[in-house]
């Protein structure tokens, strides 16, 4: 879906905001979405030198709309104040992958309040996340990773009926590195695969795990997970149980996301993008000379990767924003 169409859907919500919010809360929702759209539109017209600034502040305003639409938040608690996140300036002059980010500030600060609304972890300066980890945790970061050895990657997921028992629904997780997979149909997973899957906490609780081996074209291996459901549950209920161990991404895709750093749960995709764009925007704003070096195509090996990710953000982030608003308003 094009970014223009996604913004059209977001604009449609402004006449009757999700959740039936009224008064000042409705005004916040409407005004924040208008500013978010204008900033994303402006970001599409400028180069990489300034695009992170407009993307981050557009997302920040979109976050205000998310908080205003959230059914779990009272009329006294939807307002966001300050960033709630910080990048360590001492790490700005080294490799981009080593720029450190952590949460800070009051509970009503933007990142911290949204983390509460979206059941996403926060972390402090003692256990910072690096930009390299955040980058690799996004599906769009896989095609052009700054350093594929850092952190862990999201795994595509889908729900299918079991061949042996059509009433059983399985969460199928793919793109698992071939080197950690057991031999075909060997369900004694072994330490390598168990250690790998341990980085994906939402996969816990399965009652059965089936290895389907490695695909023939280098796409990695796949594992099927079955989760307990009551005997009288219907198809939709069993499907919901299987899906709950993955995360809907953009509008229709599903992934299993890793827990980063010392966190025990994965970041919500909106907040993973938030942390990444915040770090890039701070670097571009306060250390423009270092940012210029990173994005110099003739001399920087990561310049095209940066260009590509920031181009992807123009389409991806509005989709996540729309998905998140609809989710929190339910």
C-alpha atoms as a PDB file:
ATOM      1  CA  UNK A   1       0.000   0.000   0.000  1.00  0.00           C
ATOM      2  CA  UNK A   2       1.389   3.399  -0.968  1.00  0.00           C
ATOM      3  CA  UNK A   3       2.198   5.972   1.687  1.00  0.00           C
ATOM      4  CA  UNK A   4      -0.391   8.315   0.139  1.00  0.00           C
ATOM      5  CA  UNK A   5      -3.112   5.704   0.636  1.00  0.00           C
ATOM      6  CA  UNK A   6      -2.009   5.035   4.226  1.00  0.00           C
ATOM      7  CA  UNK A   7      -2.128   8.726   5.045  1.00  0.00           C
ATOM      8  CA  UNK A   8      -5.554   8.887   3.429  1.00  0.00           C
ATOM      9  CA  UNK A   9      -6.773   6.210   5.843  1.00  0.00           C
ATOM     10  CA  UNK A  10      -5.203   8.062   8.751  1.00  0.00           C
ATOM     11  CA  UNK A  11      -6.912  11.281   7.627  1.00  0.00           C
ATOM     12  CA  UNK A  12     -10.240   9.446   7.510  1.00  0.00           C
ATOM     13  CA  UNK A  13      -9.931   8.643  11.211  1.00  0.00           C
ATOM     14  CA  UNK A  14      -9.833  12.323  12.104  1.00  0.00           C
ATOM     15  CA  UNK A  15     -13.525  12.970  11.452  1.00  0.00           C
ATOM     16  CA  UNK A  16     -14.481  10.238  13.940  1.00  0.00           C
ATOM     17  CA  UNK A  17     -11.364   9.353  15.919  1.00  0.00           C
ATOM     18  CA  UNK A  18     -11.034   5.736  17.094  1.00  0.00           C
ATOM     19  CA  UNK A  19     -12.427   5.119  20.547  1.00  0.00           C
ATOM     20  CA  UNK A  20     -14.881   7.997  20.328  1.00  0.00           C
ATOM     21  CA  UNK A  21     -12.524  10.458  22.046  1.00  0.00           C
ATOM     22  CA  UNK A  22     -13.861  13.978  22.480  1.00  0.00           C
ATOM     23  CA  UNK A  23     -12.861  17.471  23.623  1.00  0.00           C
ATOM     24  CA  UNK A  24      -9.214  18.344  24.165  1.00  0.00           C
ATOM     25  CA  UNK A  25      -8.202  14.745  23.621  1.00  0.00           C
ATOM     26  CA  UNK A  26      -9.808  14.722  20.178  1.00  0.00           C
ATOM     27  CA  UNK A  27      -8.086  18.027  19.326  1.00  0.00           C
ATOM     28  CA  UNK A  28      -4.727  16.524  20.275  1.00  0.00           C
ATOM     29  CA  UNK A  29      -5.371  13.496  18.070  1.00  0.00           C
ATOM     30  CA  UNK A  30      -6.379  15.579  15.049  1.00  0.00           C
ATOM     31  CA  UNK A  31      -3.649  18.208  15.345  1.00  0.00           C
ATOM     32  CA  UNK A  32      -0.900  15.669  16.038  1.00  0.00           C
ATOM     33  CA  UNK A  33      -1.821  13.579  12.989  1.00  0.00           C
ATOM     34  CA  UNK A  34      -1.864  16.661  10.764  1.00  0.00           C
ATOM     35  CA  UNK A  35       1.611  17.636  11.936  1.00  0.00           C
ATOM     36  CA  UNK A  36       2.856  14.069  11.537  1.00  0.00           C
ATOM     37  CA  UNK A  37       1.626  13.942   7.950  1.00  0.00           C
ATOM     38  CA  UNK A  38       3.147  17.309   7.074  1.00  0.00           C
ATOM     39  CA  UNK A  39       6.511  16.312   8.523  1.00  0.00           C
ATOM     40  CA  UNK A  40       6.557  13.019   6.619  1.00  0.00           C
ATOM     41  CA  UNK A  41       5.574  14.850   3.435  1.00  0.00           C
ATOM     42  CA  UNK A  42       8.423  17.296   4.010  1.00  0.00           C
ATOM     43  CA  UNK A  43      10.832  14.432   4.748  1.00  0.00           C
ATOM     44  CA  UNK A  44      10.090  12.975   1.318  1.00  0.00           C
ATOM     45  CA  UNK A  45      11.295  16.193  -0.350  1.00  0.00           C
ATOM     46  CA  UNK A  46      14.662  16.546   1.366  1.00  0.00           C
ATOM     47  CA  UNK A  47      17.912  14.642   1.260  1.00  0.00           C
ATOM     48  CA  UNK A  48      19.442  12.272   3.768  1.00  0.00           C
ATOM     49  CA  UNK A  49      21.294  15.113   5.505  1.00  0.00           C
ATOM     50  CA  UNK A  50      18.069  16.345   7.153  1.00  0.00           C
ATOM     51  CA  UNK A  51      15.545  13.537   6.612  1.00  0.00           C
ATOM     52  CA  UNK A  52      16.089  11.876  10.029  1.00  0.00           C
ATOM     53  CA  UNK A  53      15.005  15.057  11.804  1.00  0.00           C
ATOM     54  CA  UNK A  54      11.690  15.296   9.991  1.00  0.00           C
ATOM     55  CA  UNK A  55      11.021  11.567  10.223  1.00  0.00           C
ATOM     56  CA  UNK A  56      11.629  11.455  13.965  1.00  0.00           C
ATOM     57  CA  UNK A  57       9.532  14.495  14.801  1.00  0.00           C
ATOM     58  CA  UNK A  58       6.797  13.257  12.476  1.00  0.00           C
ATOM     59  CA  UNK A  59       6.792   9.954  14.349  1.00  0.00           C
ATOM     60  CA  UNK A  60       6.871  11.801  17.661  1.00  0.00           C
ATOM     61  CA  UNK A  61       3.701  13.681  16.726  1.00  0.00           C
ATOM     62  CA  UNK A  62       2.169  10.427  15.529  1.00  0.00           C
ATOM     63  CA  UNK A  63       2.928   9.025  18.970  1.00  0.00           C
ATOM     64  CA  UNK A  64       0.788  11.762  20.515  1.00  0.00           C
ATOM     65  CA  UNK A  65      -2.080  10.563  18.358  1.00  0.00           C
ATOM     66  CA  UNK A  66      -1.478   6.977  19.516  1.00  0.00           C
ATOM     67  CA  UNK A  67      -1.615   8.028  23.177  1.00  0.00           C
ATOM     68  CA  UNK A  68      -4.749  10.122  22.603  1.00  0.00           C
ATOM     69  CA  UNK A  69      -6.488   7.165  20.905  1.00  0.00           C
ATOM     70  CA  UNK A  70      -5.431   4.583  23.508  1.00  0.00           C
ATOM     71  CA  UNK A  71      -8.414   3.091  25.303  1.00  0.00           C
ATOM     72  CA  UNK A  72      -6.234   2.052  28.247  1.00  0.00           C
ATOM     73  CA  UNK A  73      -5.294   5.659  29.068  1.00  0.00           C
ATOM     74  CA  UNK A  74      -7.490   8.066  31.022  1.00  0.00           C
ATOM     75  CA  UNK A  75      -8.283  11.639  30.024  1.00  0.00           C
ATOM     76  CA  UNK A  76      -5.710  12.752  32.597  1.00  0.00           C
ATOM     77  CA  UNK A  77      -2.867  10.600  31.277  1.00  0.00           C
ATOM     78  CA  UNK A  78      -2.803  10.771  27.479  1.00  0.00           C
ATOM     79  CA  UNK A  79      -0.605  13.874  27.147  1.00  0.00           C
ATOM     80  CA  UNK A  80       3.067  13.282  26.335  1.00  0.00           C
ATOM     81  CA  UNK A  81       5.847  15.528  27.653  1.00  0.00           C
ATOM     82  CA  UNK A  82       9.464  15.418  26.529  1.00  0.00           C
ATOM     83  CA  UNK A  83      11.322  12.673  24.716  1.00  0.00           C
ATOM     84  CA  UNK A  84      11.779  10.024  27.430  1.00  0.00           C
ATOM     85  CA  UNK A  85      14.766   8.679  25.517  1.00  0.00           C
ATOM     86  CA  UNK A  86      18.380   9.762  25.169  1.00  0.00           C
ATOM     87  CA  UNK A  87      21.331   9.002  22.945  1.00  0.00           C
ATOM     88  CA  UNK A  88      24.783   8.978  24.516  1.00  0.00           C
ATOM     89  CA  UNK A  89      26.724  11.833  22.840  1.00  0.00           C
ATOM     90  CA  UNK A  90      30.027  10.206  23.797  1.00  0.00           C
ATOM     91  CA  UNK A  91      29.260   7.462  21.265  1.00  0.00           C
ATOM     92  CA  UNK A  92      28.486   9.770  18.325  1.00  0.00           C
ATOM     93  CA  UNK A  93      32.025  10.024  16.991  1.00  0.00           C
ATOM     94  CA  UNK A  94      32.649   6.293  16.573  1.00  0.00           C
ATOM     95  CA  UNK A  95      31.032   3.662  14.342  1.00  0.00           C
ATOM     96  CA  UNK A  96      27.334   4.263  13.747  1.00  0.00           C
ATOM     97  CA  UNK A  97      26.499   0.789  15.043  1.00  0.00           C
ATOM     98  CA  UNK A  98      27.898   1.677  18.473  1.00  0.00           C
ATOM     99  CA  UNK A  99      25.744   4.755  19.132  1.00  0.00           C
ATOM    100  CA  UNK A 100      23.976   4.053  22.439  1.00  0.00           C
ATOM    101  CA  UNK A 101      20.341   4.767  23.306  1.00  0.00           C
ATOM    102  CA  UNK A 102      18.497   4.449  26.609  1.00  0.00           C
ATOM    103  CA  UNK A 103      15.246   5.576  28.184  1.00  0.00           C
ATOM    104  CA  UNK A 104      15.087   8.275  30.833  1.00  0.00           C
ATOM    105  CA  UNK A 105      12.853  10.869  32.447  1.00  0.00           C
ATOM    106  CA  UNK A 106       9.380  10.941  33.927  1.00  0.00           C
ATOM    107  CA  UNK A 107       6.723   8.319  33.355  1.00  0.00           C
ATOM    108  CA  UNK A 108       4.709  10.751  31.199  1.00  0.00           C
ATOM    109  CA  UNK A 109       7.644  11.334  28.838  1.00  0.00           C
ATOM    110  CA  UNK A 110       6.763  10.272  25.307  1.00  0.00           C
ATOM    111  CA  UNK A 111       8.817   7.106  24.910  1.00  0.00           C
ATOM    112  CA  UNK A 112       8.164   5.839  28.439  1.00  0.00           C
ATOM    113  CA  UNK A 113       4.407   6.467  28.372  1.00  0.00           C
ATOM    114  CA  UNK A 114       4.038   4.874  24.945  1.00  0.00           C
ATOM    115  CA  UNK A 115       6.103   1.919  26.145  1.00  0.00           C
ATOM    116  CA  UNK A 116       3.540   1.424  28.908  1.00  0.00           C
ATOM    117  CA  UNK A 117       0.625   1.736  26.504  1.00  0.00           C
ATOM    118  CA  UNK A 118       2.170  -0.727  24.046  1.00  0.00           C
ATOM    119  CA  UNK A 119       3.546  -3.179  26.645  1.00  0.00           C
ATOM    120  CA  UNK A 120       7.070  -2.533  25.377  1.00  0.00           C
ATOM    121  CA  UNK A 121      10.169  -2.610  27.610  1.00  0.00           C
ATOM    122  CA  UNK A 122      12.242   0.343  28.761  1.00  0.00           C
ATOM    123  CA  UNK A 123      15.907   0.233  29.754  1.00  0.00           C
ATOM    124  CA  UNK A 124      18.345   2.580  31.448  1.00  0.00           C
ATOM    125  CA  UNK A 125      21.838   3.934  30.836  1.00  0.00           C
ATOM    126  CA  UNK A 126      23.405   0.942  32.590  1.00  0.00           C
ATOM    127  CA  UNK A 127      22.102  -1.412  29.870  1.00  0.00           C
ATOM    128  CA  UNK A 128      21.920   0.741  26.719  1.00  0.00           C
ATOM    129  CA  UNK A 129      20.912  -0.569  23.327  1.00  0.00           C
ATOM    130  CA  UNK A 130      23.089   0.197  20.345  1.00  0.00           C
ATOM    131  CA  UNK A 131      21.970   1.550  17.024  1.00  0.00           C
ATOM    132  CA  UNK A 132      23.345  -1.621  15.437  1.00  0.00           C
ATOM    133  CA  UNK A 133      21.001  -3.771  17.539  1.00  0.00           C
ATOM    134  CA  UNK A 134      18.008  -1.555  16.783  1.00  0.00           C
ATOM    135  CA  UNK A 135      18.808  -1.516  13.068  1.00  0.00           C
ATOM    136  CA  UNK A 136      19.038  -5.308  12.801  1.00  0.00           C
ATOM    137  CA  UNK A 137      15.836  -5.790  14.799  1.00  0.00           C
ATOM    138  CA  UNK A 138      13.780  -4.249  11.969  1.00  0.00           C
ATOM    139  CA  UNK A 139      12.755  -6.292   8.909  1.00  0.00           C
ATOM    140  CA  UNK A 140      13.897  -3.430   6.657  1.00  0.00           C
ATOM    141  CA  UNK A 141      17.335  -3.552   8.249  1.00  0.00           C
ATOM    142  CA  UNK A 142      18.036  -7.045   6.909  1.00  0.00           C
ATOM    143  CA  UNK A 143      18.620  -6.265   3.245  1.00  0.00           C
ATOM    144  CA  UNK A 144      21.348  -3.754   4.028  1.00  0.00           C
ATOM    145  CA  UNK A 145      22.596  -4.393   7.528  1.00  0.00           C
ATOM    146  CA  UNK A 146      25.308  -2.140   8.898  1.00  0.00           C
ATOM    147  CA  UNK A 147      26.806  -5.186  10.627  1.00  0.00           C
ATOM    148  CA  UNK A 148      24.899  -8.519  10.479  1.00  0.00           C
ATOM    149  CA  UNK A 149      26.847  -9.927  13.451  1.00  0.00           C
ATOM    150  CA  UNK A 150      25.191  -7.519  15.923  1.00  0.00           C
ATOM    151  CA  UNK A 151      22.074  -8.469  17.867  1.00  0.00           C
ATOM    152  CA  UNK A 152      19.319 -10.617  16.384  1.00  0.00           C
ATOM    153  CA  UNK A 153      16.950 -10.352  13.431  1.00  0.00           C
ATOM    154  CA  UNK A 154      13.148 -10.646  13.236  1.00  0.00           C
ATOM    155  CA  UNK A 155      11.815 -13.938  11.893  1.00  0.00           C
ATOM    156  CA  UNK A 156       8.863 -14.122   9.463  1.00  0.00           C
ATOM    157  CA  UNK A 157       5.881 -15.945  10.957  1.00  0.00           C
ATOM    158  CA  UNK A 158       2.547 -17.280   9.746  1.00  0.00           C
ATOM    159  CA  UNK A 159      -0.213 -19.571  10.992  1.00  0.00           C
ATOM    160  CA  UNK A 160      -1.064 -22.843   9.210  1.00  0.00           C
ATOM    161  CA  UNK A 161      -3.079 -25.954   9.925  1.00  0.00           C
ATOM    162  CA  UNK A 162      -1.151 -29.061  10.869  1.00  0.00           C
ATOM    163  CA  UNK A 163      -0.902 -31.676   8.109  1.00  0.00           C
ATOM    164  CA  UNK A 164      -1.349 -34.440  10.671  1.00  0.00           C
ATOM    165  CA  UNK A 165      -4.284 -32.773  12.454  1.00  0.00           C
ATOM    166  CA  UNK A 166      -6.106 -30.033  10.475  1.00  0.00           C
ATOM    167  CA  UNK A 167      -7.782 -28.817  13.682  1.00  0.00           C
ATOM    168  CA  UNK A 168      -4.369 -27.956  15.142  1.00  0.00           C
ATOM    169  CA  UNK A 169      -3.010 -24.533  14.195  1.00  0.00           C
ATOM    170  CA  UNK A 170       0.737 -24.033  14.135  1.00  0.00           C
ATOM    171  CA  UNK A 171       2.839 -20.905  14.217  1.00  0.00           C
ATOM    172  CA  UNK A 172       5.426 -21.399  11.480  1.00  0.00           C
ATOM    173  CA  UNK A 173       8.621 -19.413  12.008  1.00  0.00           C
ATOM    174  CA  UNK A 174      11.093 -19.261   9.133  1.00  0.00           C
ATOM    175  CA  UNK A 175      14.440 -17.735   8.089  1.00  0.00           C
ATOM    176  CA  UNK A 176      16.236 -19.488  10.953  1.00  0.00           C
ATOM    177  CA  UNK A 177      19.967 -19.676  10.172  1.00  0.00           C
ATOM    178  CA  UNK A 178      20.867 -23.018   8.626  1.00  0.00           C
ATOM    179  CA  UNK A 179      23.845 -23.481  10.924  1.00  0.00           C
ATOM    180  CA  UNK A 180      21.648 -23.809  14.030  1.00  0.00           C
ATOM    181  CA  UNK A 181      19.053 -26.112  12.473  1.00  0.00           C
ATOM    182  CA  UNK A 182      19.012 -29.860  13.250  1.00  0.00           C
ATOM    183  CA  UNK A 183      18.841 -32.439  10.504  1.00  0.00           C
ATOM    184  CA  UNK A 184      15.568 -32.703   8.585  1.00  0.00           C
ATOM    185  CA  UNK A 185      12.630 -33.856  10.756  1.00  0.00           C
ATOM    186  CA  UNK A 186      14.901 -34.271  13.779  1.00  0.00           C
ATOM    187  CA  UNK A 187      12.928 -32.676  16.598  1.00  0.00           C
ATOM    188  CA  UNK A 188      15.712 -33.028  19.124  1.00  0.00           C
ATOM    189  CA  UNK A 189      16.547 -29.377  18.566  1.00  0.00           C
ATOM    190  CA  UNK A 190      19.967 -29.420  20.189  1.00  0.00           C
ATOM    191  CA  UNK A 191      21.756 -26.628  22.080  1.00  0.00           C
ATOM    192  CA  UNK A 192      22.445 -24.372  19.091  1.00  0.00           C
ATOM    193  CA  UNK A 193      18.806 -24.037  18.023  1.00  0.00           C
ATOM    194  CA  UNK A 194      17.539 -23.849  21.594  1.00  0.00           C
ATOM    195  CA  UNK A 195      19.976 -21.049  22.353  1.00  0.00           C
ATOM    196  CA  UNK A 196      18.965 -19.221  19.183  1.00  0.00           C
ATOM    197  CA  UNK A 197      15.237 -19.491  19.919  1.00  0.00           C
ATOM    198  CA  UNK A 198      15.867 -18.281  23.458  1.00  0.00           C
ATOM    199  CA  UNK A 199      16.339 -14.790  22.044  1.00  0.00           C
ATOM    200  CA  UNK A 200      12.674 -14.754  20.997  1.00  0.00           C
ATOM    201  CA  UNK A 201      10.682 -14.818  24.254  1.00  0.00           C
ATOM    202  CA  UNK A 202       7.237 -14.673  22.625  1.00  0.00           C
ATOM    203  CA  UNK A 203       7.813 -18.222  21.334  1.00  0.00           C
ATOM    204  CA  UNK A 204       7.745 -19.674  24.853  1.00  0.00           C
ATOM    205  CA  UNK A 205       4.864 -21.829  26.082  1.00  0.00           C
ATOM    206  CA  UNK A 206       4.578 -24.180  23.142  1.00  0.00           C
ATOM    207  CA  UNK A 207       3.421 -27.738  23.741  1.00  0.00           C
ATOM    208  CA  UNK A 208       4.996 -29.087  20.574  1.00  0.00           C
ATOM    209  CA  UNK A 209       7.857 -27.997  18.328  1.00  0.00           C
ATOM    210  CA  UNK A 210       8.510 -29.480  14.901  1.00  0.00           C
ATOM    211  CA  UNK A 211      11.593 -28.836  12.806  1.00  0.00           C
ATOM    212  CA  UNK A 212      11.009 -28.743   9.053  1.00  0.00           C
ATOM    213  CA  UNK A 213      14.644 -28.415   8.070  1.00  0.00           C
ATOM    214  CA  UNK A 214      16.345 -25.989   5.739  1.00  0.00           C
ATOM    215  CA  UNK A 215      14.872 -24.822   2.451  1.00  0.00           C
ATOM    216  CA  UNK A 216      16.712 -25.515  -0.817  1.00  0.00           C
ATOM    217  CA  UNK A 217      17.365 -21.908  -1.841  1.00  0.00           C
ATOM    218  CA  UNK A 218      19.253 -20.452   1.109  1.00  0.00           C
ATOM    219  CA  UNK A 219      16.200 -19.043   2.871  1.00  0.00           C
ATOM    220  CA  UNK A 220      17.062 -20.664   6.186  1.00  0.00           C
ATOM    221  CA  UNK A 221      15.177 -23.246   8.203  1.00  0.00           C
ATOM    222  CA  UNK A 222      11.687 -23.299   9.697  1.00  0.00           C
ATOM    223  CA  UNK A 223      10.165 -24.500  12.950  1.00  0.00           C
ATOM    224  CA  UNK A 224       6.493 -25.080  13.771  1.00  0.00           C
ATOM    225  CA  UNK A 225       5.118 -24.292  17.226  1.00  0.00           C
ATOM    226  CA  UNK A 226       1.849 -25.597  18.651  1.00  0.00           C
ATOM    227  CA  UNK A 227       0.270 -23.779  21.616  1.00  0.00           C
ATOM    228  CA  UNK A 228      -2.349 -25.112  24.041  1.00  0.00           C
ATOM    229  CA  UNK A 229      -6.012 -24.397  23.322  1.00  0.00           C
ATOM    230  CA  UNK A 230      -9.151 -25.706  24.974  1.00  0.00           C
ATOM    231  CA  UNK A 231     -10.818 -28.677  23.331  1.00  0.00           C
ATOM    232  CA  UNK A 232     -13.982 -26.721  22.533  1.00  0.00           C
ATOM    233  CA  UNK A 233     -12.239 -23.674  21.053  1.00  0.00           C
ATOM    234  CA  UNK A 234     -13.181 -22.769  17.490  1.00  0.00           C
ATOM    235  CA  UNK A 235     -10.860 -22.058  14.556  1.00  0.00           C
ATOM    236  CA  UNK A 236     -10.721 -18.295  15.151  1.00  0.00           C
ATOM    237  CA  UNK A 237      -9.846 -18.783  18.818  1.00  0.00           C
ATOM    238  CA  UNK A 238      -7.066 -21.243  18.033  1.00  0.00           C
ATOM    239  CA  UNK A 239      -5.796 -18.950  15.318  1.00  0.00           C
ATOM    240  CA  UNK A 240      -5.736 -16.023  17.766  1.00  0.00           C
ATOM    241  CA  UNK A 241      -3.727 -18.091  20.253  1.00  0.00           C
ATOM    242  CA  UNK A 242      -1.116 -19.020  17.647  1.00  0.00           C
ATOM    243  CA  UNK A 243      -0.938 -15.455  16.317  1.00  0.00           C
ATOM    244  CA  UNK A 244      -0.491 -14.018  19.805  1.00  0.00           C
ATOM    245  CA  UNK A 245       3.046 -15.428  19.890  1.00  0.00           C
ATOM    246  CA  UNK A 246       4.024 -13.222  16.957  1.00  0.00           C
ATOM    247  CA  UNK A 247       3.619  -9.523  16.143  1.00  0.00           C
ATOM    248  CA  UNK A 248       1.677  -7.962  13.294  1.00  0.00           C
ATOM    249  CA  UNK A 249       4.013  -5.671  11.352  1.00  0.00           C
ATOM    250  CA  UNK A 250       3.011  -2.884   9.006  1.00  0.00           C
ATOM    251  CA  UNK A 251      -0.501  -3.887   7.945  1.00  0.00           C
ATOM    252  CA  UNK A 252      -0.475  -7.577   7.058  1.00  0.00           C
ATOM    253  CA  UNK A 253       2.929  -9.136   7.762  1.00  0.00           C
ATOM    254  CA  UNK A 254       3.819 -11.084  10.904  1.00  0.00           C
ATOM    255  CA  UNK A 255       7.190 -11.456  12.576  1.00  0.00           C
ATOM    256  CA  UNK A 256       8.668 -12.840  15.760  1.00  0.00           C
ATOM    257  CA  UNK A 257      10.920 -10.118  17.173  1.00  0.00           C
ATOM    258  CA  UNK A 258      13.959 -10.683  19.401  1.00  0.00           C
ATOM    259  CA  UNK A 259      14.486  -9.254  22.866  1.00  0.00           C
ATOM    260  CA  UNK A 260      17.344  -6.764  22.640  1.00  0.00           C
ATOM    261  CA  UNK A 261      20.148  -6.270  25.121  1.00  0.00           C
ATOM    262  CA  UNK A 262      19.131  -7.022  28.693  1.00  0.00           C
ATOM    263  CA  UNK A 263      15.418  -6.726  27.924  1.00  0.00           C
ATOM    264  CA  UNK A 264      13.211  -9.739  28.574  1.00  0.00           C
ATOM    265  CA  UNK A 265      10.670  -8.795  25.877  1.00  0.00           C
ATOM    266  CA  UNK A 266      10.914  -7.392  22.336  1.00  0.00           C
ATOM    267  CA  UNK A 267      10.323  -3.743  21.559  1.00  0.00           C
ATOM    268  CA  UNK A 268       7.042  -2.829  19.946  1.00  0.00           C
ATOM    269  CA  UNK A 269       7.863  -2.111  16.257  1.00  0.00           C
ATOM    270  CA  UNK A 270       6.692   1.513  16.562  1.00  0.00           C
ATOM    271  CA  UNK A 271       9.131   2.056  19.424  1.00  0.00           C
ATOM    272  CA  UNK A 272      11.983   0.220  17.714  1.00  0.00           C
ATOM    273  CA  UNK A 273      11.636   2.671  14.830  1.00  0.00           C
ATOM    274  CA  UNK A 274      11.264   5.503  17.362  1.00  0.00           C
ATOM    275  CA  UNK A 275      14.543   4.688  19.122  1.00  0.00           C
ATOM    276  CA  UNK A 276      16.396   4.244  15.834  1.00  0.00           C
ATOM    277  CA  UNK A 277      15.124   7.467  14.240  1.00  0.00           C
ATOM    278  CA  UNK A 278      15.732   9.374  17.461  1.00  0.00           C
ATOM    279  CA  UNK A 279      19.386   8.318  17.506  1.00  0.00           C
ATOM    280  CA  UNK A 280      19.851   9.193  13.837  1.00  0.00           C
ATOM    281  CA  UNK A 281      18.120  12.559  14.278  1.00  0.00           C
ATOM    282  CA  UNK A 282      20.286  13.476  17.277  1.00  0.00           C
ATOM    283  CA  UNK A 283      23.421  12.574  15.367  1.00  0.00           C
ATOM    284  CA  UNK A 284      22.329  14.572  12.313  1.00  0.00           C
ATOM    285  CA  UNK A 285      21.274  17.564  14.420  1.00  0.00           C
ATOM    286  CA  UNK A 286      24.090  17.873  16.935  1.00  0.00           C
ATOM    287  CA  UNK A 287      26.987  16.232  15.073  1.00  0.00           C
ATOM    288  CA  UNK A 288      26.351  17.190  11.437  1.00  0.00           C
ATOM    289  CA  UNK A 289      30.006  16.703  10.508  1.00  0.00           C
ATOM    290  CA  UNK A 290      29.963  13.062  11.661  1.00  0.00           C
ATOM    291  CA  UNK A 291      26.587  12.510   9.988  1.00  0.00           C
ATOM    292  CA  UNK A 292      27.964  13.956   6.740  1.00  0.00           C
ATOM    293  CA  UNK A 293      30.795  11.415   6.844  1.00  0.00           C
ATOM    294  CA  UNK A 294      28.367   8.514   7.371  1.00  0.00           C
ATOM    295  CA  UNK A 295      26.145   9.488   4.415  1.00  0.00           C
ATOM    296  CA  UNK A 296      28.926  10.307   1.937  1.00  0.00           C
ATOM    297  CA  UNK A 297      28.260   7.737  -0.793  1.00  0.00           C
ATOM    298  CA  UNK A 298      31.723   8.033  -2.352  1.00  0.00           C
ATOM    299  CA  UNK A 299      33.570   7.256   0.863  1.00  0.00           C
ATOM    300  CA  UNK A 300      31.199   5.568   3.329  1.00  0.00           C
ATOM    301  CA  UNK A 301      30.374   1.877   2.959  1.00  0.00           C
ATOM    302  CA  UNK A 302      27.138   2.335   4.935  1.00  0.00           C
ATOM    303  CA  UNK A 303      25.820   5.422   3.130  1.00  0.00           C
ATOM    304  CA  UNK A 304      23.512   3.534   0.761  1.00  0.00           C
ATOM    305  CA  UNK A 305      22.155   1.412   3.611  1.00  0.00           C
ATOM    306  CA  UNK A 306      21.272   4.617   5.476  1.00  0.00           C
ATOM    307  CA  UNK A 307      19.632   6.080   2.389  1.00  0.00           C
ATOM    308  CA  UNK A 308      17.601   2.923   1.857  1.00  0.00           C
ATOM    309  CA  UNK A 309      16.365   2.623   5.441  1.00  0.00           C
ATOM    310  CA  UNK A 310      15.337   6.281   5.603  1.00  0.00           C
ATOM    311  CA  UNK A 311      13.516   5.877   2.282  1.00  0.00           C
ATOM    312  CA  UNK A 312      11.745   2.775   3.622  1.00  0.00           C
ATOM    313  CA  UNK A 313      10.692   4.725   6.715  1.00  0.00           C
ATOM    314  CA  UNK A 314       8.570   7.059   4.590  1.00  0.00           C
ATOM    315  CA  UNK A 315       6.257   4.146   3.778  1.00  0.00           C
ATOM    316  CA  UNK A 316       6.767   1.725   6.662  1.00  0.00           C
ATOM    317  CA  UNK A 317       6.333   4.026   9.661  1.00  0.00           C
ATOM    318  CA  UNK A 318       2.925   5.440   8.616  1.00  0.00           C
ATOM    319  CA  UNK A 319       1.661   1.864   8.154  1.00  0.00           C
ATOM    320  CA  UNK A 320       2.836   0.921  11.647  1.00  0.00           C
ATOM    321  CA  UNK A 321       1.281   4.115  12.978  1.00  0.00           C
ATOM    322  CA  UNK A 322      -2.097   3.254  11.435  1.00  0.00           C
ATOM    323  CA  UNK A 323      -1.926  -0.321  12.703  1.00  0.00           C
ATOM    324  CA  UNK A 324      -1.001   0.838  16.210  1.00  0.00           C
ATOM    325  CA  UNK A 325      -3.773   3.443  16.429  1.00  0.00           C
ATOM    326  CA  UNK A 326      -6.384   0.867  15.450  1.00  0.00           C
ATOM    327  CA  UNK A 327      -4.963  -1.622  17.964  1.00  0.00           C
ATOM    328  CA  UNK A 328      -4.844   0.709  20.993  1.00  0.00           C
ATOM    329  CA  UNK A 329      -8.336   2.081  20.338  1.00  0.00           C
ATOM    330  CA  UNK A 330      -9.982  -1.347  20.628  1.00  0.00           C
END
